[in-house]
Amino acid sequence: MADGESLSLLHWSAIEDQTKIGEYLLENGAEVDIRDGNGYTPLHYACMCRHVDMVKLLLKYSANVMAVSNDRILPKDLTEDENIKYLLNKQ
């Protein structure tokens, strides 16, 4: 399920840092690496918004840290947060 901008509920959960909703969606079959119209995954948005707990959740469900957007942007390119960079580099 996606909105008019092709953002899924999992994308919105990542943007709004709603980890409980995100976990519910993932437990019930949501695709962790679903892409929006720009090729961004929920991990891209969690990194961009600096939501460490959401990044941890997505990584727990094997989010692809090497997912490249349509503009060739990796999730790690979207954050300056050192904790998030550390988590992404551990993968």
PDB file of N, CA and C in Angstrom:
ATOM      1  N   MET A   1       0.843  -1.172   0.000  1.00  0.00           N
ATOM      2  CA  MET A   1       0.000   0.000   0.000  1.00  0.00           C
ATOM      3  C   MET A   1       0.891   1.240   0.000  1.00  0.00           C
ATOM      4  N   ALA A   2       0.606   2.175  -0.891  1.00  0.00           N
ATOM      5  CA  ALA A   2       1.427   3.378  -1.015  1.00  0.00           C
ATOM      6  C   ALA A   2       0.522   4.587  -1.219  1.00  0.00           C
ATOM      7  N   ASP A   3       1.072   5.773  -0.926  1.00  0.00           N
ATOM      8  CA  ASP A   3       0.303   6.999  -1.140  1.00  0.00           C
ATOM      9  C   ASP A   3       0.554   7.520  -2.553  1.00  0.00           C
ATOM     10  N   GLY A   4       0.092   8.711  -2.861  1.00  0.00           N
ATOM     11  CA  GLY A   4       0.245   9.286  -4.188  1.00  0.00           C
ATOM     12  C   GLY A   4       1.683   9.553  -4.592  1.00  0.00           C
ATOM     13  N   GLU A   5       2.589   9.601  -3.636  1.00  0.00           N
ATOM     14  CA  GLU A   5       4.008   9.809  -3.928  1.00  0.00           C
ATOM     15  C   GLU A   5       4.760   8.483  -3.911  1.00  0.00           C
ATOM     16  N   SER A   6       4.031   7.399  -3.921  1.00  0.00           N
ATOM     17  CA  SER A   6       4.543   6.028  -3.882  1.00  0.00           C
ATOM     18  C   SER A   6       5.312   5.718  -2.606  1.00  0.00           C
ATOM     19  N   LEU A   7       4.929   6.375  -1.517  1.00  0.00           N
ATOM     20  CA  LEU A   7       5.516   6.058  -0.215  1.00  0.00           C
ATOM     21  C   LEU A   7       4.635   5.020   0.474  1.00  0.00           C
ATOM     22  N   SER A   8       5.248   3.929   0.875  1.00  0.00           N
ATOM     23  CA  SER A   8       4.516   2.870   1.569  1.00  0.00           C
ATOM     24  C   SER A   8       4.320   3.247   3.034  1.00  0.00           C
ATOM     25  N   LEU A   9       3.528   2.449   3.728  1.00  0.00           N
ATOM     26  CA  LEU A   9       3.369   2.662   5.166  1.00  0.00           C
ATOM     27  C   LEU A   9       4.705   2.513   5.885  1.00  0.00           C
ATOM     28  N   LEU A  10       5.553   1.623   5.396  1.00  0.00           N
ATOM     29  CA  LEU A  10       6.865   1.460   6.020  1.00  0.00           C
ATOM     30  C   LEU A  10       7.739   2.691   5.784  1.00  0.00           C
ATOM     31  N   HIS A  11       7.642   3.299   4.605  1.00  0.00           N
ATOM     32  CA  HIS A  11       8.356   4.560   4.362  1.00  0.00           C
ATOM     33  C   HIS A  11       7.903   5.615   5.376  1.00  0.00           C
ATOM     34  N   TRP A  12       6.586   5.753   5.528  1.00  0.00           N
ATOM     35  CA  TRP A  12       6.057   6.760   6.460  1.00  0.00           C
ATOM     36  C   TRP A  12       6.466   6.457   7.892  1.00  0.00           C
ATOM     37  N   SER A  13       6.500   5.179   8.250  1.00  0.00           N
ATOM     38  CA  SER A  13       6.957   4.805   9.594  1.00  0.00           C
ATOM     39  C   SER A  13       8.397   5.239   9.808  1.00  0.00           C
ATOM     40  N   ALA A  14       9.228   5.077   8.780  1.00  0.00           N
ATOM     41  CA  ALA A  14      10.635   5.489   8.875  1.00  0.00           C
ATOM     42  C   ALA A  14      10.756   7.007   8.979  1.00  0.00           C
ATOM     43  N   ILE A  15       9.979   7.722   8.200  1.00  0.00           N
ATOM     44  CA  ILE A  15      10.018   9.185   8.211  1.00  0.00           C
ATOM     45  C   ILE A  15       9.579   9.734   9.567  1.00  0.00           C
ATOM     46  N   GLU A  16       8.531   9.141  10.123  1.00  0.00           N
ATOM     47  CA  GLU A  16       7.954   9.635  11.379  1.00  0.00           C
ATOM     48  C   GLU A  16       8.550   8.966  12.620  1.00  0.00           C
ATOM     49  N   ASP A  17       9.518   8.071  12.429  1.00  0.00           N
ATOM     50  CA  ASP A  17      10.186   7.354  13.524  1.00  0.00           C
ATOM     51  C   ASP A  17       9.196   6.565  14.374  1.00  0.00           C
ATOM     52  N   GLN A  18       8.292   5.908  13.706  1.00  0.00           N
ATOM     53  CA  GLN A  18       7.281   5.080  14.366  1.00  0.00           C
ATOM     54  C   GLN A  18       7.754   3.625  14.359  1.00  0.00           C
ATOM     55  N   THR A  19       8.687   3.309  15.257  1.00  0.00           N
ATOM     56  CA  THR A  19       9.309   1.985  15.246  1.00  0.00           C
ATOM     57  C   THR A  19       8.315   0.867  15.563  1.00  0.00           C
ATOM     58  N   LYS A  20       7.371   1.113  16.438  1.00  0.00           N
ATOM     59  CA  LYS A  20       6.397   0.057  16.765  1.00  0.00           C
ATOM     60  C   LYS A  20       5.533  -0.273  15.554  1.00  0.00           C
ATOM     61  N   ILE A  21       5.126   0.737  14.834  1.00  0.00           N
ATOM     62  CA  ILE A  21       4.348   0.498  13.615  1.00  0.00           C
ATOM     63  C   ILE A  21       5.226  -0.189  12.579  1.00  0.00           C
ATOM     64  N   GLY A  22       6.450   0.283  12.434  1.00  0.00           N
ATOM     65  CA  GLY A  22       7.380  -0.340  11.494  1.00  0.00           C
ATOM     66  C   GLY A  22       7.601  -1.808  11.810  1.00  0.00           C
ATOM     67  N   GLU A  23       7.784  -2.120  13.082  1.00  0.00           N
ATOM     68  CA  GLU A  23       7.991  -3.518  13.463  1.00  0.00           C
ATOM     69  C   GLU A  23       6.745  -4.353  13.170  1.00  0.00           C
ATOM     70  N   TYR A  24       5.589  -3.800  13.460  1.00  0.00           N
ATOM     71  CA  TYR A  24       4.339  -4.504  13.151  1.00  0.00           C
ATOM     72  C   TYR A  24       4.256  -4.804  11.648  1.00  0.00           C
ATOM     73  N   LEU A  25       4.544  -3.809  10.838  1.00  0.00           N
ATOM     74  CA  LEU A  25       4.485  -3.996   9.385  1.00  0.00           C
ATOM     75  C   LEU A  25       5.469  -5.066   8.928  1.00  0.00           C
ATOM     76  N   LEU A  26       6.694  -5.012   9.443  1.00  0.00           N
ATOM     77  CA  LEU A  26       7.713  -5.984   9.048  1.00  0.00           C
ATOM     78  C   LEU A  26       7.367  -7.391   9.528  1.00  0.00           C
ATOM     79  N   GLU A  27       6.848  -7.500  10.730  1.00  0.00           N
ATOM     80  CA  GLU A  27       6.428  -8.807  11.250  1.00  0.00           C
ATOM     81  C   GLU A  27       5.310  -9.415  10.417  1.00  0.00           C
ATOM     82  N   ASN A  28       4.560  -8.565   9.758  1.00  0.00           N
ATOM     83  CA  ASN A  28       3.409  -9.024   8.984  1.00  0.00           C
ATOM     84  C   ASN A  28       3.642  -8.973   7.479  1.00  0.00           C
ATOM     85  N   GLY A  29       4.906  -9.032   7.084  1.00  0.00           N
ATOM     86  CA  GLY A  29       5.231  -9.233   5.679  1.00  0.00           C
ATOM     87  C   GLY A  29       5.578  -8.020   4.850  1.00  0.00           C
ATOM     88  N   ALA A  30       5.702  -6.853   5.451  1.00  0.00           N
ATOM     89  CA  ALA A  30       6.102  -5.677   4.664  1.00  0.00           C
ATOM     90  C   ALA A  30       7.501  -5.907   4.098  1.00  0.00           C
ATOM     91  N   GLU A  31       7.717  -5.444   2.892  1.00  0.00           N
ATOM     92  CA  GLU A  31       9.015  -5.589   2.229  1.00  0.00           C
ATOM     93  C   GLU A  31       9.970  -4.528   2.772  1.00  0.00           C
ATOM     94  N   VAL A  32      11.033  -4.970   3.416  1.00  0.00           N
ATOM     95  CA  VAL A  32      11.959  -4.047   4.082  1.00  0.00           C
ATOM     96  C   VAL A  32      12.634  -3.099   3.095  1.00  0.00           C
ATOM     97  N   ASP A  33      12.868  -3.556   1.870  1.00  0.00           N
ATOM     98  CA  ASP A  33      13.568  -2.732   0.880  1.00  0.00           C
ATOM     99  C   ASP A  33      12.644  -2.180  -0.202  1.00  0.00           C
ATOM    100  N   ILE A  34      11.369  -2.001   0.125  1.00  0.00           N
ATOM    101  CA  ILE A  34      10.431  -1.434  -0.848  1.00  0.00           C
ATOM    102  C   ILE A  34      10.926  -0.045  -1.263  1.00  0.00           C
ATOM    103  N   ARG A  35      10.747   0.272  -2.529  1.00  0.00           N
ATOM    104  CA  ARG A  35      11.259   1.544  -3.063  1.00  0.00           C
ATOM    105  C   ARG A  35      10.114   2.490  -3.416  1.00  0.00           C
ATOM    106  N   ASP A  36      10.393   3.780  -3.245  1.00  0.00           N
ATOM    107  CA  ASP A  36       9.425   4.791  -3.681  1.00  0.00           C
ATOM    108  C   ASP A  36       9.745   5.173  -5.121  1.00  0.00           C
ATOM    109  N   GLY A  37       9.101   6.195  -5.633  1.00  0.00           N
ATOM    110  CA  GLY A  37       9.308   6.617  -7.012  1.00  0.00           C
ATOM    111  C   GLY A  37      10.712   7.103  -7.315  1.00  0.00           C
ATOM    112  N   ASN A  38      11.466   7.488  -6.285  1.00  0.00           N
ATOM    113  CA  ASN A  38      12.852   7.929  -6.458  1.00  0.00           C
ATOM    114  C   ASN A  38      13.851   6.810  -6.185  1.00  0.00           C
ATOM    115  N   GLY A  39      13.331   5.631  -5.883  1.00  0.00           N
ATOM    116  CA  GLY A  39      14.199   4.504  -5.582  1.00  0.00           C
ATOM    117  C   GLY A  39      14.684   4.473  -4.144  1.00  0.00           C
ATOM    118  N   TYR A  40      14.113   5.325  -3.301  1.00  0.00           N
ATOM    119  CA  TYR A  40      14.499   5.349  -1.885  1.00  0.00           C
ATOM    120  C   TYR A  40      13.783   4.235  -1.127  1.00  0.00           C
ATOM    121  N   THR A  41      14.523   3.576  -0.251  1.00  0.00           N
ATOM    122  CA  THR A  41      13.958   2.569   0.636  1.00  0.00           C
ATOM    123  C   THR A  41      13.628   3.228   1.977  1.00  0.00           C
ATOM    124  N   PRO A  42      12.914   2.536   2.842  1.00  0.00           N
ATOM    125  CA  PRO A  42      12.696   3.084   4.182  1.00  0.00           C
ATOM    126  C   PRO A  42      14.012   3.406   4.901  1.00  0.00           C
ATOM    127  N   LEU A  43      15.059   2.629   4.635  1.00  0.00           N
ATOM    128  CA  LEU A  43      16.357   2.902   5.257  1.00  0.00           C
ATOM    129  C   LEU A  43      16.908   4.256   4.810  1.00  0.00           C
ATOM    130  N   HIS A  44      16.721   4.617   3.555  1.00  0.00           N
ATOM    131  CA  HIS A  44      17.141   5.943   3.088  1.00  0.00           C
ATOM    132  C   HIS A  44      16.496   7.034   3.953  1.00  0.00           C
ATOM    133  N   TYR A  45      15.181   6.903   4.164  1.00  0.00           N
ATOM    134  CA  TYR A  45      14.465   7.923   4.932  1.00  0.00           C
ATOM    135  C   TYR A  45      14.857   7.926   6.403  1.00  0.00           C
ATOM    136  N   ALA A  46      15.028   6.750   6.985  1.00  0.00           N
ATOM    137  CA  ALA A  46      15.443   6.683   8.390  1.00  0.00           C
ATOM    138  C   ALA A  46      16.803   7.348   8.572  1.00  0.00           C
ATOM    139  N   CYS A  47      17.703   7.135   7.621  1.00  0.00           N
ATOM    140  CA  CYS A  47      19.026   7.774   7.684  1.00  0.00           C
ATOM    141  C   CYS A  47      18.906   9.284   7.502  1.00  0.00           C
ATOM    142  N   MET A  48      18.132   9.701   6.519  1.00  0.00           N
ATOM    143  CA  MET A  48      17.962  11.124   6.231  1.00  0.00           C
ATOM    144  C   MET A  48      17.381  11.866   7.432  1.00  0.00           C
ATOM    145  N   CYS A  49      16.443  11.224   8.118  1.00  0.00           N
ATOM    146  CA  CYS A  49      15.772  11.853   9.260  1.00  0.00           C
ATOM    147  C   CYS A  49      16.503  11.623  10.580  1.00  0.00           C
ATOM    148  N   ARG A  50      17.609  10.908  10.523  1.00  0.00           N
ATOM    149  CA  ARG A  50      18.444  10.626  11.705  1.00  0.00           C
ATOM    150  C   ARG A  50      17.695   9.866  12.794  1.00  0.00           C
ATOM    151  N   HIS A  51      16.946   8.868  12.391  1.00  0.00           N
ATOM    152  CA  HIS A  51      16.176   8.048  13.328  1.00  0.00           C
ATOM    153  C   HIS A  51      16.941   6.758  13.617  1.00  0.00           C
ATOM    154  N   VAL A  52      17.787   6.803  14.629  1.00  0.00           N
ATOM    155  CA  VAL A  52      18.683   5.690  14.953  1.00  0.00           C
ATOM    156  C   VAL A  52      17.903   4.412  15.250  1.00  0.00           C
ATOM    157  N   ASP A  53      16.861   4.501  16.065  1.00  0.00           N
ATOM    158  CA  ASP A  53      16.108   3.292  16.416  1.00  0.00           C
ATOM    159  C   ASP A  53      15.435   2.668  15.198  1.00  0.00           C
ATOM    160  N   MET A  54      14.973   3.488  14.287  1.00  0.00           N
ATOM    161  CA  MET A  54      14.363   2.952  13.069  1.00  0.00           C
ATOM    162  C   MET A  54      15.424   2.294  12.195  1.00  0.00           C
ATOM    163  N   VAL A  55      16.597   2.898  12.115  1.00  0.00           N
ATOM    164  CA  VAL A  55      17.693   2.281  11.363  1.00  0.00           C
ATOM    165  C   VAL A  55      18.001   0.906  11.957  1.00  0.00           C
ATOM    166  N   LYS A  56      18.098   0.828  13.279  1.00  0.00           N
ATOM    167  CA  LYS A  56      18.365  -0.454  13.944  1.00  0.00           C
ATOM    168  C   LYS A  56      17.292  -1.485  13.592  1.00  0.00           C
ATOM    169  N   LEU A  57      16.039  -1.063  13.626  1.00  0.00           N
ATOM    170  CA  LEU A  57      14.945  -1.973  13.306  1.00  0.00           C
ATOM    171  C   LEU A  57      15.053  -2.481  11.871  1.00  0.00           C
ATOM    172  N   LEU A  58      15.261  -1.582  10.937  1.00  0.00           N
ATOM    173  CA  LEU A  58      15.349  -1.979   9.534  1.00  0.00           C
ATOM    174  C   LEU A  58      16.535  -2.907   9.301  1.00  0.00           C
ATOM    175  N   LEU A  59      17.647  -2.646   9.959  1.00  0.00           N
ATOM    176  CA  LEU A  59      18.815  -3.524   9.832  1.00  0.00           C
ATOM    177  C   LEU A  59      18.532  -4.894  10.442  1.00  0.00           C
ATOM    178  N   LYS A  60      17.780  -4.926  11.520  1.00  0.00           N
ATOM    179  CA  LYS A  60      17.384  -6.198  12.142  1.00  0.00           C
ATOM    180  C   LYS A  60      16.626  -7.064  11.139  1.00  0.00           C
ATOM    181  N   TYR A  61      15.873  -6.428  10.269  1.00  0.00           N
ATOM    182  CA  TYR A  61      15.117  -7.141   9.243  1.00  0.00           C
ATOM    183  C   TYR A  61      15.871  -7.190   7.910  1.00  0.00           C
ATOM    184  N   SER A  62      17.181  -7.030   7.977  1.00  0.00           N
ATOM    185  CA  SER A  62      18.090  -7.199   6.828  1.00  0.00           C
ATOM    186  C   SER A  62      17.901  -6.181   5.714  1.00  0.00           C
ATOM    187  N   ALA A  63      17.646  -4.931   6.082  1.00  0.00           N
ATOM    188  CA  ALA A  63      17.585  -3.871   5.070  1.00  0.00           C
ATOM    189  C   ALA A  63      18.921  -3.805   4.336  1.00  0.00           C
ATOM    190  N   ASN A  64      18.858  -3.542   3.057  1.00  0.00           N
ATOM    191  CA  ASN A  64      20.046  -3.488   2.211  1.00  0.00           C
ATOM    192  C   ASN A  64      20.737  -2.129   2.357  1.00  0.00           C
ATOM    193  N   VAL A  65      21.892  -2.118   3.015  1.00  0.00           N
ATOM    194  CA  VAL A  65      22.631  -0.864   3.213  1.00  0.00           C
ATOM    195  C   VAL A  65      23.246  -0.362   1.909  1.00  0.00           C
ATOM    196  N   MET A  66      23.295  -1.217   0.897  1.00  0.00           N
ATOM    197  CA  MET A  66      23.867  -0.841  -0.391  1.00  0.00           C
ATOM    198  C   MET A  66      22.789  -0.532  -1.435  1.00  0.00           C
ATOM    199  N   ALA A  67      21.557  -0.339  -0.986  1.00  0.00           N
ATOM    200  CA  ALA A  67      20.467  -0.001  -1.907  1.00  0.00           C
ATOM    201  C   ALA A  67      20.741   1.370  -2.523  1.00  0.00           C
ATOM    202  N   VAL A  68      20.785   1.416  -3.834  1.00  0.00           N
ATOM    203  CA  VAL A  68      21.099   2.652  -4.552  1.00  0.00           C
ATOM    204  C   VAL A  68      19.808   3.240  -5.118  1.00  0.00           C
ATOM    205  N   SER A  69      19.586   4.527  -4.872  1.00  0.00           N
ATOM    206  CA  SER A  69      18.390   5.201  -5.396  1.00  0.00           C
ATOM    207  C   SER A  69      18.546   5.464  -6.891  1.00  0.00           C
ATOM    208  N   ASN A  70      17.505   5.996  -7.496  1.00  0.00           N
ATOM    209  CA  ASN A  70      17.557   6.348  -8.920  1.00  0.00           C
ATOM    210  C   ASN A  70      18.674   7.344  -9.216  1.00  0.00           C
ATOM    211  N   ASP A  71      19.015   8.183  -8.221  1.00  0.00           N
ATOM    212  CA  ASP A  71      20.083   9.180  -8.373  1.00  0.00           C
ATOM    213  C   ASP A  71      21.428   8.661  -7.865  1.00  0.00           C
ATOM    214  N   ARG A  72      21.519   7.335  -7.645  1.00  0.00           N
ATOM    215  CA  ARG A  72      22.757   6.674  -7.209  1.00  0.00           C
ATOM    216  C   ARG A  72      23.167   7.083  -5.793  1.00  0.00           C
ATOM    217  N   ILE A  73      22.183   7.276  -4.928  1.00  0.00           N
ATOM    218  CA  ILE A  73      22.432   7.670  -3.542  1.00  0.00           C
ATOM    219  C   ILE A  73      22.235   6.463  -2.634  1.00  0.00           C
ATOM    220  N   LEU A  74      23.221   6.225  -1.780  1.00  0.00           N
ATOM    221  CA  LEU A  74      23.146   5.172  -0.773  1.00  0.00           C
ATOM    222  C   LEU A  74      22.552   5.743   0.512  1.00  0.00           C
ATOM    223  N   PRO A  75      21.957   4.913   1.358  1.00  0.00           N
ATOM    224  CA  PRO A  75      21.450   5.419   2.638  1.00  0.00           C
ATOM    225  C   PRO A  75      22.503   6.182   3.439  1.00  0.00           C
ATOM    226  N   LYS A  76      23.743   5.690   3.458  1.00  0.00           N
ATOM    227  CA  LYS A  76      24.798   6.349   4.243  1.00  0.00           C
ATOM    228  C   LYS A  76      25.130   7.748   3.721  1.00  0.00           C
ATOM    229  N   ASP A  77      24.799   8.023   2.458  1.00  0.00           N
ATOM    230  CA  ASP A  77      25.052   9.347   1.882  1.00  0.00           C
ATOM    231  C   ASP A  77      24.092  10.407   2.427  1.00  0.00           C
ATOM    232  N   LEU A  78      23.042   9.973   3.100  1.00  0.00           N
ATOM    233  CA  LEU A  78      21.984  10.885   3.528  1.00  0.00           C
ATOM    234  C   LEU A  78      22.044  11.272   4.999  1.00  0.00           C
ATOM    235  N   THR A  79      23.108  10.879   5.686  1.00  0.00           N
ATOM    236  CA  THR A  79      23.180  11.191   7.113  1.00  0.00           C
ATOM    237  C   THR A  79      24.558  11.688   7.513  1.00  0.00           C
ATOM    238  N   GLU A  80      24.565  12.529   8.514  1.00  0.00           N
ATOM    239  CA  GLU A  80      25.802  12.971   9.156  1.00  0.00           C
ATOM    240  C   GLU A  80      25.905  12.379  10.556  1.00  0.00           C
ATOM    241  N   ASP A  81      24.877  11.631  10.958  1.00  0.00           N
ATOM    242  CA  ASP A  81      24.832  11.050  12.295  1.00  0.00           C
ATOM    243  C   ASP A  81      25.871   9.932  12.414  1.00  0.00           C
ATOM    244  N   GLU A  82      26.806  10.095  13.337  1.00  0.00           N
ATOM    245  CA  GLU A  82      27.898   9.133  13.494  1.00  0.00           C
ATOM    246  C   GLU A  82      27.406   7.773  13.970  1.00  0.00           C
ATOM    247  N   ASN A  83      26.376   7.741  14.803  1.00  0.00           N
ATOM    248  CA  ASN A  83      25.829   6.461  15.259  1.00  0.00           C
ATOM    249  C   ASN A  83      25.238   5.674  14.095  1.00  0.00           C
ATOM    250  N   ILE A  84      24.534   6.361  13.232  1.00  0.00           N
ATOM    251  CA  ILE A  84      23.944   5.695  12.069  1.00  0.00           C
ATOM    252  C   ILE A  84      25.039   5.223  11.126  1.00  0.00           C
ATOM    253  N   LYS A  85      26.031   6.055  10.884  1.00  0.00           N
ATOM    254  CA  LYS A  85      27.136   5.640  10.011  1.00  0.00           C
ATOM    255  C   LYS A  85      27.814   4.391  10.556  1.00  0.00           C
ATOM    256  N   TYR A  86      28.005   4.358  11.868  1.00  0.00           N
ATOM    257  CA  TYR A  86      28.619   3.190  12.501  1.00  0.00           C
ATOM    258  C   TYR A  86      27.770   1.939  12.261  1.00  0.00           C
ATOM    259  N   LEU A  87      26.463   2.056  12.478  1.00  0.00           N
ATOM    260  CA  LEU A  87      25.568   0.919  12.276  1.00  0.00           C
ATOM    261  C   LEU A  87      25.595   0.424  10.833  1.00  0.00           C
ATOM    262  N   LEU A  88      25.606   1.346   9.898  1.00  0.00           N
ATOM    263  CA  LEU A  88      25.618   0.967   8.485  1.00  0.00           C
ATOM    264  C   LEU A  88      26.935   0.314   8.096  1.00  0.00           C
ATOM    265  N   ASN A  89      28.026   0.810   8.635  1.00  0.00           N
ATOM    266  CA  ASN A  89      29.342   0.259   8.302  1.00  0.00           C
ATOM    267  C   ASN A  89      29.572  -1.115   8.909  1.00  0.00           C
ATOM    268  N   LYS A  90      28.830  -1.448   9.978  1.00  0.00           N
ATOM    269  CA  LYS A  90      28.948  -2.765  10.604  1.00  0.00           C
ATOM    270  C   LYS A  90      28.365  -3.864   9.725  1.00  0.00           C
ATOM    271  N   GLN A  91      27.495  -3.494   8.821  1.00  0.00           N
ATOM    272  CA  GLN A  91      26.791  -4.496   8.001  1.00  0.00           C
ATOM    273  C   GLN A  91      27.657  -5.050   6.902  1.00  0.00           C
TER     274      GLN A  91
END
